[in-house]
Each structure stands twice: as C-alpha cells, then as structure tokens.
C-alpha cells in the first residue's frame, strides 16, 4: 500500500514501460477539463448577457409607459387648445350640426 502511494507521488507511473496508456488517459482527462472550463465560462457569459438584457427591457418598458402618458396628456383637448391659441384658433361656440344625406 505504502509503496503504491510513493510510486504515484514520485511519478513512476509516468515513466514505466506501460506509461503510454497512462499518458493517453492524462491527456484525455486534461482535454475534458479544458472543455468543461470553457463551457462553464460560455454559460456564465450568457447568464450575464441575459441579465443585462432583462435590465434593458425593464428600462425600455418604463420609458414606453412614460412616453405613452406624455402623448395622452398632449392629445387632450385642453392641451391642444392652449397650443393653437397663439395662432388664433379657438374652440367653436356653437355645437356641430349633423348633415344627413338622402339617397335616391
């Protein structure tokens, strides 16, 4: 048991006669580790991108609501009347009349 642990610590499994299969396994495991690390970094990057896009959506939605409110305020009759009063346009004093068209 002790001899096996010392051999592993000294690295004899890398220089022995059948070391080629050990090197193949070490290289294979190293490549797998590199792939896993890269995959993890890519996933983290996408999570951060999704988070920033969600924040941007919230900001744009808030801006949309504010703009919609401002447009409603500007479309009100009193607001339009104030804006065109400087040009001499004012609301009519008499109510509108209906025009009826008779078909023959």
N, C-alpha and C. Protein backbone atom coordinates (compact mmCIF):
# COMPACT_ATOMS: atom_id res chain seq x y z
N UNK A 1 0.83 -1.19 0.00
CA UNK A 1 0.00 0.00 0.00
C UNK A 1 0.87 1.26 0.00
N UNK A 2 1.87 1.28 0.96
CA UNK A 2 2.76 2.42 1.04
C UNK A 2 3.58 2.58 -0.23
N UNK A 3 4.04 1.46 -0.76
CA UNK A 3 4.88 1.51 -1.95
C UNK A 3 4.09 2.08 -3.14
N UNK A 4 2.80 1.70 -3.25
CA UNK A 4 1.96 2.21 -4.34
C UNK A 4 1.77 3.71 -4.25
N UNK A 5 1.58 4.22 -3.04
CA UNK A 5 1.38 5.67 -2.86
C UNK A 5 2.67 6.42 -3.17
N UNK A 6 3.82 5.87 -2.72
CA UNK A 6 5.10 6.51 -3.01
C UNK A 6 5.40 6.51 -4.51
N UNK A 7 5.05 5.41 -5.17
CA UNK A 7 5.26 5.35 -6.63
C UNK A 7 4.43 6.41 -7.35
N UNK A 8 3.20 6.62 -6.90
CA UNK A 8 2.35 7.64 -7.52
C UNK A 8 2.91 9.03 -7.26
N UNK A 9 3.35 9.28 -6.01
CA UNK A 9 3.91 10.59 -5.67
C UNK A 9 5.22 10.86 -6.42
N UNK A 10 6.02 9.85 -6.64
CA UNK A 10 7.28 10.02 -7.36
C UNK A 10 7.08 10.09 -8.87
N UNK A 11 5.94 9.65 -9.34
CA UNK A 11 5.62 9.73 -10.77
C UNK A 11 6.13 8.54 -11.55
N UNK A 12 6.35 7.43 -10.91
CA UNK A 12 6.85 6.25 -11.62
C UNK A 12 5.84 5.72 -12.64
N UNK A 13 4.57 6.00 -12.44
CA UNK A 13 3.56 5.53 -13.39
C UNK A 13 3.68 6.27 -14.72
N UNK A 14 4.42 7.38 -14.74
CA UNK A 14 4.59 8.14 -15.98
C UNK A 14 5.84 7.71 -16.76
N UNK A 15 6.75 7.04 -16.10
CA UNK A 15 8.00 6.66 -16.78
C UNK A 15 8.19 5.16 -16.88
N UNK A 16 7.25 4.40 -16.44
CA UNK A 16 7.38 2.94 -16.51
C UNK A 16 7.19 2.46 -17.95
N UNK A 17 7.31 1.16 -18.16
CA UNK A 17 7.23 0.59 -19.51
C UNK A 17 5.84 0.76 -20.14
N UNK A 18 4.80 0.63 -19.36
CA UNK A 18 3.44 0.78 -19.90
C UNK A 18 2.87 2.18 -19.61
N UNK A 19 3.72 3.17 -19.63
CA UNK A 19 3.32 4.55 -19.31
C UNK A 19 2.48 5.19 -20.41
N UNK A 20 2.56 4.66 -21.64
CA UNK A 20 1.83 5.28 -22.74
C UNK A 20 0.32 5.31 -22.49
N UNK A 21 -0.24 4.25 -21.94
CA UNK A 21 -1.68 4.26 -21.66
C UNK A 21 -2.00 5.26 -20.55
N UNK A 22 -1.09 5.46 -19.62
CA UNK A 22 -1.31 6.45 -18.57
C UNK A 22 -1.27 7.87 -19.15
N UNK A 23 -0.31 8.12 -20.05
CA UNK A 23 -0.22 9.43 -20.67
C UNK A 23 -1.46 9.72 -21.51
N UNK A 24 -1.95 8.72 -22.21
CA UNK A 24 -3.16 8.92 -23.01
C UNK A 24 -4.34 9.32 -22.12
N UNK A 25 -4.47 8.64 -21.00
CA UNK A 25 -5.57 8.95 -20.08
C UNK A 25 -5.41 10.35 -19.49
N UNK A 26 -4.18 10.72 -19.13
CA UNK A 26 -3.94 12.06 -18.56
C UNK A 26 -4.25 13.13 -19.59
N UNK A 27 -3.80 12.93 -20.82
CA UNK A 27 -4.08 13.92 -21.88
C UNK A 27 -5.58 13.99 -22.14
N UNK A 28 -6.25 12.85 -22.20
CA UNK A 28 -7.70 12.83 -22.40
C UNK A 28 -8.43 13.58 -21.30
N UNK A 29 -8.06 13.31 -20.05
CA UNK A 29 -8.70 14.00 -18.92
C UNK A 29 -8.40 15.49 -18.92
N UNK A 30 -7.20 15.87 -19.33
CA UNK A 30 -6.84 17.30 -19.41
C UNK A 30 -7.70 18.01 -20.45
N UNK A 31 -7.87 17.37 -21.61
CA UNK A 31 -8.70 17.97 -22.66
C UNK A 31 -10.14 18.10 -22.19
N UNK A 32 -10.65 17.07 -21.52
CA UNK A 32 -12.01 17.16 -20.98
C UNK A 32 -12.15 18.30 -19.97
N UNK A 33 -11.14 18.46 -19.12
CA UNK A 33 -11.18 19.55 -18.13
C UNK A 33 -11.19 20.90 -18.81
N UNK A 34 -10.38 21.06 -19.86
CA UNK A 34 -10.34 22.33 -20.60
C UNK A 34 -11.70 22.61 -21.25
N UNK A 35 -12.30 21.58 -21.83
CA UNK A 35 -13.62 21.75 -22.46
C UNK A 35 -14.66 22.13 -21.42
N UNK A 36 -14.63 21.50 -20.26
CA UNK A 36 -15.60 21.83 -19.20
C UNK A 36 -15.43 23.27 -18.71
N UNK A 37 -14.20 23.70 -18.55
CA UNK A 37 -13.94 25.07 -18.10
C UNK A 37 -14.43 26.08 -19.14
N UNK A 38 -14.14 25.82 -20.40
CA UNK A 38 -14.59 26.72 -21.47
C UNK A 38 -16.11 26.76 -21.53
N UNK A 39 -16.75 25.62 -21.40
CA UNK A 39 -18.21 25.56 -21.42
C UNK A 39 -18.81 26.35 -20.25
N UNK A 40 -18.20 26.22 -19.10
CA UNK A 40 -18.68 26.96 -17.93
C UNK A 40 -18.55 28.46 -18.13
N UNK A 41 -17.44 28.90 -18.71
CA UNK A 41 -17.25 30.33 -18.96
C UNK A 41 -18.26 30.86 -19.97
N UNK A 42 -18.54 30.08 -20.99
CA UNK A 42 -19.52 30.49 -22.00
C UNK A 42 -20.91 30.60 -21.38
N UNK A 43 -21.25 29.63 -20.52
CA UNK A 43 -22.57 29.66 -19.86
C UNK A 43 -22.68 30.87 -18.94
N UNK A 44 -21.62 31.17 -18.18
CA UNK A 44 -21.64 32.35 -17.30
C UNK A 44 -21.79 33.63 -18.10
N UNK A 45 -21.10 33.70 -19.23
CA UNK A 45 -21.18 34.89 -20.09
C UNK A 45 -22.62 35.09 -20.59
N UNK A 46 -23.27 33.99 -20.97
CA UNK A 46 -24.65 34.10 -21.45
C UNK A 46 -25.61 34.51 -20.33
N UNK A 47 -25.37 34.01 -19.12
CA UNK A 47 -26.21 34.40 -17.99
C UNK A 47 -26.09 35.90 -17.73
N UNK A 48 -24.87 36.43 -17.78
CA UNK A 48 -24.69 37.86 -17.57
C UNK A 48 -25.33 38.67 -18.70
N UNK A 49 -25.23 38.17 -19.93
CA UNK A 49 -25.85 38.87 -21.05
C UNK A 49 -27.37 38.89 -20.92
N UNK A 50 -27.95 37.77 -20.51
CA UNK A 50 -29.41 37.71 -20.31
C UNK A 50 -29.83 38.67 -19.21
N UNK A 51 -29.06 38.75 -18.15
CA UNK A 51 -29.38 39.65 -17.04
C UNK A 51 -29.34 41.11 -17.51
N UNK A 52 -28.32 41.47 -18.27
CA UNK A 52 -28.24 42.86 -18.74
C UNK A 52 -29.36 43.17 -19.72
N UNK A 53 -29.74 42.20 -20.56
CA UNK A 53 -30.84 42.42 -21.49
C UNK A 53 -32.17 42.57 -20.75
N UNK A 54 -32.36 41.81 -19.67
CA UNK A 54 -33.58 41.97 -18.87
C UNK A 54 -33.65 43.35 -18.24
N UNK A 55 -32.51 43.85 -17.76
CA UNK A 55 -32.49 45.20 -17.20
C UNK A 55 -32.82 46.24 -18.27
N UNK A 56 -32.29 46.05 -19.46
CA UNK A 56 -32.56 46.97 -20.56
C UNK A 56 -34.05 46.94 -20.94
N UNK A 57 -34.65 45.76 -20.93
CA UNK A 57 -36.08 45.64 -21.24
C UNK A 57 -36.90 46.39 -20.20
N UNK A 58 -36.53 46.27 -18.92
CA UNK A 58 -37.26 46.99 -17.87
C UNK A 58 -37.17 48.48 -18.07
N UNK A 59 -35.96 48.98 -18.41
CA UNK A 59 -35.79 50.41 -18.64
C UNK A 59 -36.60 50.88 -19.83
N UNK A 60 -36.58 50.11 -20.92
CA UNK A 60 -37.32 50.50 -22.12
C UNK A 60 -38.83 50.45 -21.88
N UNK A 61 -39.29 49.49 -21.10
CA UNK A 61 -40.72 49.41 -20.78
C UNK A 61 -41.14 50.63 -19.96
N UNK A 62 -40.31 51.03 -19.02
CA UNK A 62 -40.61 52.20 -18.21
C UNK A 62 -40.64 53.46 -19.08
N UNK A 63 -39.67 53.57 -20.00
CA UNK A 63 -39.64 54.71 -20.91
C UNK A 63 -40.88 54.73 -21.80
N UNK A 64 -41.32 53.55 -22.25
CA UNK A 64 -42.51 53.46 -23.08
C UNK A 64 -43.74 53.94 -22.33
N UNK A 65 -43.88 53.52 -21.07
CA UNK A 65 -45.04 53.93 -20.27
C UNK A 65 -45.02 55.44 -20.06
N UNK A 66 -43.86 56.00 -19.77
CA UNK A 66 -43.75 57.44 -19.58
C UNK A 66 -44.10 58.21 -20.86
N UNK A 67 -43.61 57.73 -21.99
CA UNK A 67 -43.89 58.39 -23.26
C UNK A 67 -45.36 58.30 -23.61
N UNK A 68 -45.96 57.14 -23.37
CA UNK A 68 -47.39 56.97 -23.65
C UNK A 68 -48.23 57.93 -22.80
N UNK A 69 -47.85 58.09 -21.55
CA UNK A 69 -48.55 59.02 -20.67
C UNK A 69 -48.41 60.46 -21.18
N UNK A 70 -47.22 60.82 -21.61
CA UNK A 70 -47.00 62.18 -22.13
C UNK A 70 -47.82 62.42 -23.40
N UNK A 71 -47.90 61.41 -24.28
CA UNK A 71 -48.69 61.55 -25.51
C UNK A 71 -50.17 61.72 -25.18
N UNK A 72 -50.66 60.95 -24.22
CA UNK A 72 -52.07 61.10 -23.83
C UNK A 72 -52.33 62.50 -23.29
N UNK A 73 -51.38 63.01 -22.53
CA UNK A 73 -51.55 64.35 -21.97
C UNK A 73 -51.55 65.40 -23.08
N UNK A 74 -50.70 65.23 -24.09
CA UNK A 74 -50.63 66.19 -25.19
C UNK A 74 -51.84 66.11 -26.11
N UNK A 75 -52.51 64.95 -26.19
CA UNK A 75 -53.66 64.79 -27.06
C UNK A 75 -54.96 65.33 -26.45
N UNK A 76 -54.92 65.68 -25.19
CA UNK A 76 -56.14 66.18 -24.55
C UNK A 76 -56.58 67.49 -25.21
N UNK A 77 -57.90 67.70 -25.26
CA UNK A 77 -58.45 68.86 -25.94
C UNK A 77 -57.93 70.17 -25.33
N UNK A 78 -57.84 70.24 -24.02
CA UNK A 78 -57.38 71.47 -23.38
C UNK A 78 -55.93 71.77 -23.74
N UNK A 79 -55.10 70.74 -23.85
CA UNK A 79 -53.70 70.94 -24.21
C UNK A 79 -53.57 71.42 -25.65
N UNK A 80 -54.35 70.80 -26.54
CA UNK A 80 -54.32 71.22 -27.95
C UNK A 80 -54.84 72.66 -28.08
N UNK A 81 -55.89 73.00 -27.34
CA UNK A 81 -56.45 74.36 -27.41
C UNK A 81 -55.42 75.39 -26.95
N UNK A 82 -54.66 75.10 -25.92
CA UNK A 82 -53.62 76.03 -25.46
C UNK A 82 -52.53 76.22 -26.50
N UNK A 83 -52.15 75.16 -27.17
CA UNK A 83 -51.07 75.24 -28.15
C UNK A 83 -51.47 76.04 -29.40
N UNK A 84 -52.71 75.89 -29.83
CA UNK A 84 -53.13 76.58 -31.05
C UNK A 84 -53.73 77.95 -30.76
N UNK A 85 -53.88 78.33 -29.49
CA UNK A 85 -54.44 79.64 -29.15
C UNK A 85 -53.54 80.77 -29.64
N UNK A 86 -52.25 80.53 -29.68
CA UNK A 86 -51.34 81.57 -30.15
C UNK A 86 -51.50 81.84 -31.65
N UNK A 87 -52.07 80.91 -32.38
CA UNK A 87 -52.30 81.07 -33.82
C UNK A 87 -53.69 81.62 -34.11
N UNK A 88 -54.46 81.89 -33.10
CA UNK A 88 -55.78 82.46 -33.28
C UNK A 88 -56.88 81.42 -33.44
N UNK A 89 -56.58 80.16 -33.27
CA UNK A 89 -57.58 79.10 -33.39
C UNK A 89 -58.15 78.85 -32.00
N UNK A 90 -59.50 78.81 -31.94
CA UNK A 90 -60.14 78.56 -30.65
C UNK A 90 -61.34 77.64 -30.87
N UNK A 91 -61.82 77.01 -29.83
CA UNK A 91 -62.97 76.11 -29.97
C UNK A 91 -64.22 76.85 -30.44
N UNK A 92 -65.07 76.16 -31.16
CA UNK A 92 -66.29 76.76 -31.68
C UNK A 92 -67.29 76.97 -30.53
N UNK A 93 -68.04 78.08 -30.61
CA UNK A 93 -69.04 78.39 -29.59
C UNK A 93 -70.35 77.63 -29.83
N UNK A 94 -70.66 77.35 -31.08
CA UNK A 94 -71.90 76.65 -31.38
C UNK A 94 -71.61 75.17 -31.64
N UNK A 95 -72.50 74.32 -31.23
CA UNK A 95 -72.27 72.88 -31.38
C UNK A 95 -72.30 72.47 -32.86
N UNK A 96 -71.70 71.37 -33.20
CA UNK A 96 -71.69 70.92 -34.59
C UNK A 96 -73.09 70.48 -35.04
N UNK A 97 -73.33 70.56 -36.33
CA UNK A 97 -74.61 70.16 -36.88
C UNK A 97 -74.43 68.88 -37.68
N UNK A 98 -75.46 68.04 -37.64
CA UNK A 98 -75.43 66.80 -38.38
C UNK A 98 -75.86 67.06 -39.82
N UNK A 99 -75.18 66.43 -40.71
CA UNK A 99 -75.56 66.53 -42.12
C UNK A 99 -76.13 65.19 -42.52
N UNK A 100 -77.35 65.19 -42.99
CA UNK A 100 -77.99 63.96 -43.42
C UNK A 100 -78.03 63.94 -44.94
N UNK A 101 -77.61 62.85 -45.51
CA UNK A 101 -77.62 62.69 -46.95
C UNK A 101 -78.73 61.70 -47.29
N UNK A 102 -79.63 62.12 -48.16
CA UNK A 102 -80.71 61.25 -48.58
C UNK A 102 -80.34 60.57 -49.87
N UNK A 103 -80.44 59.30 -49.90
CA UNK A 103 -80.13 58.57 -51.13
C UNK A 103 -81.40 58.39 -51.95
N UNK A 104 -81.27 58.39 -53.26
CA UNK A 104 -82.45 58.28 -54.11
C UNK A 104 -82.62 56.92 -54.70
